[in-house]
Protein backbone atom coordinates (compact mmCIF):
# COMPACT_ATOMS: atom_id res chain seq x y z
CA MET A 1 -27.14 -36.83 -7.20
CA GLN A 2 -23.54 -37.38 -8.33
CA HIS A 3 -23.81 -34.49 -10.81
CA ARG A 4 -25.15 -32.17 -8.11
CA PHE A 5 -22.24 -33.05 -5.81
CA SER A 6 -19.71 -32.49 -8.63
CA THR A 7 -21.18 -29.08 -9.42
CA LYS A 8 -21.09 -27.99 -5.78
CA PHE A 9 -17.55 -29.32 -5.43
CA SER A 10 -16.36 -27.50 -8.56
CA HIS A 11 -17.94 -24.25 -7.35
CA ALA A 12 -16.23 -24.65 -3.99
CA ALA A 13 -12.91 -25.37 -5.72
CA ILE A 14 -13.25 -22.24 -7.85
CA VAL A 15 -14.05 -20.10 -4.82
CA ALA A 16 -11.13 -21.58 -2.88
CA SER A 17 -8.67 -21.00 -5.74
CA LEU A 18 -9.85 -17.41 -6.15
CA ALA A 19 -9.48 -16.84 -2.42
CA ILE A 20 -5.96 -18.25 -2.38
CA GLY A 21 -5.00 -16.18 -5.41
CA ALA A 22 -6.39 -13.05 -3.81
CA ALA A 23 -4.56 -13.79 -0.56
CA MET A 24 -1.28 -14.30 -2.40
CA ALA A 25 -1.76 -11.19 -4.52
CA ALA A 26 -2.50 -9.07 -1.48
CA ALA A 27 0.54 -10.43 0.30
CA GLN A 28 2.98 -9.63 -2.51
CA PRO A 29 4.38 -6.32 -3.72
CA ALA A 30 3.51 -5.20 -7.24
CA PRO A 31 5.52 -7.16 -9.79
CA ALA A 32 8.42 -5.58 -11.63
CA LEU A 33 9.78 -6.72 -14.97
CA GLY A 34 12.84 -8.90 -15.43
CA GLY A 35 14.20 -10.36 -12.24
CA GLY A 36 13.94 -12.73 -9.36
CA GLU A 37 11.58 -12.22 -6.45
CA ALA A 38 14.14 -10.58 -4.14
CA ARG A 39 15.34 -8.32 -6.93
CA MET A 40 11.75 -7.38 -7.81
CA HIS A 41 11.07 -6.40 -4.21
CA LYS A 42 14.22 -4.27 -4.00
CA MET A 43 13.41 -2.55 -7.27
CA HIS A 44 9.81 -1.90 -6.29
CA ALA A 45 10.59 -0.73 -2.76
CA GLY A 46 13.48 1.48 -3.83
CA HIS A 47 11.52 3.00 -6.67
CA GLY A 48 8.53 3.81 -4.45
CA GLU A 49 10.65 5.42 -1.77
CA ALA A 50 12.71 7.39 -4.29
CA HIS A 51 9.58 8.55 -6.10
CA PHE A 52 7.94 9.59 -2.82
CA ALA A 53 11.05 11.52 -1.71
CA LYS A 54 11.31 13.27 -5.08
CA ARG A 55 7.62 14.27 -5.06
CA MET A 56 7.87 15.57 -1.51
CA GLU A 57 10.96 17.67 -2.20
CA MET A 58 9.43 19.15 -5.36
CA LEU A 59 6.28 20.09 -3.46
CA LYS A 60 8.31 21.56 -0.61
CA VAL A 61 10.23 23.80 -3.02
CA LYS A 62 7.07 24.94 -4.83
CA LEU A 63 5.36 25.89 -1.57
CA ASN A 64 8.25 28.02 -0.26
CA LEU A 65 7.51 27.03 3.35
CA ASN A 66 8.18 29.09 6.44
CA ALA A 67 9.98 27.47 9.41
CA THR A 68 6.78 26.32 11.16
CA GLN A 69 5.33 24.86 7.98
CA GLU A 70 8.60 23.13 7.11
CA ALA A 71 8.82 21.52 10.55
CA GLN A 72 5.28 20.13 10.23
CA PHE A 73 5.93 19.08 6.64
CA ASN A 74 8.93 17.05 7.82
CA VAL A 75 6.88 15.42 10.60
CA ALA A 76 4.14 14.46 8.12
CA ARG A 77 6.62 13.21 5.52
CA ASP A 78 8.44 11.08 8.10
CA ALA A 79 5.16 9.66 9.44
CA THR A 80 4.16 8.73 5.89
CA LYS A 81 7.51 7.10 5.20
CA SER A 82 7.22 5.11 8.44
CA ALA A 83 3.70 3.94 7.52
CA MET A 84 4.91 2.92 4.06
CA GLU A 85 7.79 0.91 5.52
CA ALA A 86 5.50 -0.78 8.06
CA GLY A 87 3.01 -1.65 5.34
CA ARG A 88 5.73 -3.15 3.17
CA ALA A 89 7.06 -5.19 6.10
CA ALA A 90 3.55 -6.47 6.86
CA ARG A 91 2.99 -7.45 3.21
CA MET A 92 6.31 -9.29 3.06
CA SER A 93 5.58 -11.13 6.30
CA ALA A 94 2.09 -12.08 5.11
CA ARG A 95 3.49 -13.29 1.80
CA ASP A 96 6.05 -15.47 3.56
CA SER A 97 3.39 -16.86 5.90
CA ALA A 98 1.07 -17.61 2.99
CA LYS A 99 3.84 -19.41 1.11
CA ALA A 100 4.67 -21.48 4.17
CA GLU A 101 1.01 -22.35 4.73
CA LEU A 102 0.57 -23.41 1.10
CA GLN A 103 3.55 -25.77 1.40
CA LYS A 104 1.64 -27.83 3.98
CA ALA A 105 -0.18 -30.98 2.94
CA ASP A 106 -3.40 -29.63 4.46
CA PRO A 107 -3.16 -25.82 4.39
CA ASP A 108 -5.53 -23.63 6.39
CA LEU A 109 -7.22 -21.90 3.46
CA ALA A 110 -9.72 -20.12 5.68
CA GLY A 111 -6.78 -18.81 7.70
CA LEU A 112 -5.32 -17.34 4.51
CA LEU A 113 -8.52 -15.39 3.96
CA VAL A 114 -8.44 -14.08 7.52
CA ALA A 115 -4.77 -13.18 7.14
CA ARG A 116 -5.57 -11.25 3.95
CA GLU A 117 -8.20 -9.22 5.77
CA ASN A 118 -5.89 -8.64 8.73
CA LEU A 119 -3.22 -7.37 6.36
CA LYS A 120 -5.54 -4.57 5.26
CA GLU A 121 -5.82 -3.44 8.87
CA ALA A 122 -2.20 -4.12 9.87
CA ASN A 123 -0.86 -0.60 9.84
CA ALA A 124 -4.08 1.40 9.75
CA PRO A 125 -3.11 3.30 12.93
CA GLN A 126 0.17 4.42 11.35
CA ARG A 127 -1.58 5.50 8.14
CA LYS A 128 -4.14 7.44 10.16
CA ALA A 129 -1.40 9.09 12.22
CA ALA A 130 0.34 10.15 9.00
CA LEU A 131 -2.93 11.54 7.63
CA ASN A 132 -3.41 13.53 10.84
CA GLU A 133 0.07 15.02 10.46
CA TRP A 134 -0.71 16.02 6.87
CA ALA A 135 -4.00 17.58 8.02
CA LYS A 136 -2.03 19.66 10.54
CA PHE A 137 0.37 20.71 7.79
CA LEU A 138 -2.42 21.66 5.40
CA GLY A 139 -3.99 23.77 8.14
CA LEU A 140 -0.80 25.87 8.23
CA LEU A 141 -0.88 26.76 4.53
CA THR A 142 -1.72 30.17 3.14
CA THR A 143 -4.37 30.63 0.44
CA GLU A 144 -1.64 30.84 -2.21
CA GLN A 145 0.01 27.65 -0.98
CA LYS A 146 -3.34 25.84 -0.94
CA SER A 147 -3.78 26.85 -4.57
CA ILE A 148 -0.45 25.21 -5.42
CA VAL A 149 -1.44 22.02 -3.58
CA LYS A 150 -4.81 22.05 -5.33
CA SER A 151 -3.18 22.30 -8.76
CA GLN A 152 -0.81 19.44 -7.87
CA LEU A 153 -3.73 17.26 -6.76
CA LEU A 154 -5.72 18.04 -9.91
CA ALA A 155 -2.71 17.25 -12.11
CA ARG A 156 -2.15 13.94 -10.31
CA ALA A 157 -5.84 13.02 -10.62
CA GLN A 158 -5.70 13.75 -14.33
CA ARG A 159 -2.56 11.62 -14.78
CA MET A 160 -4.30 8.77 -12.99
CA GLY A 161 -7.35 9.10 -15.23
CA GLY A 162 -9.56 10.84 -12.69
CA ALA A 163 -10.42 14.46 -13.48
């Protein structure tokens, strides 16, 4: 009987530790090399935003947009940037909440799991709004411009190990 209880307890402990680790991982930005936590966040956030801006400007130049297309491109780009910022703020807030909860003598581990799931849904409306703006933009493209976008998407998929 004692052995059975120990086995069940150890399984529960493993599940709880995995859940906490997953909650903490989801609440933190991707790690960067060589620096403190605040520095890592600044490096990661700045790099992502700079990379996004660079990619968007390169695409904009390649597509040679007309005034209507450029206006919609800017709306979609700004909506995406806003969704990215909101997502980062939600992750940082969740990380801070998780750290505070884990400092307690009796932390709410189930609450951490719920918080992790809520984080996934935190800025879904903003992401969907940005996707809708991009769909509007793509609907304005000519056949030649769609070909350029297609080649960019295929190249990106290949770099990421897809195609």
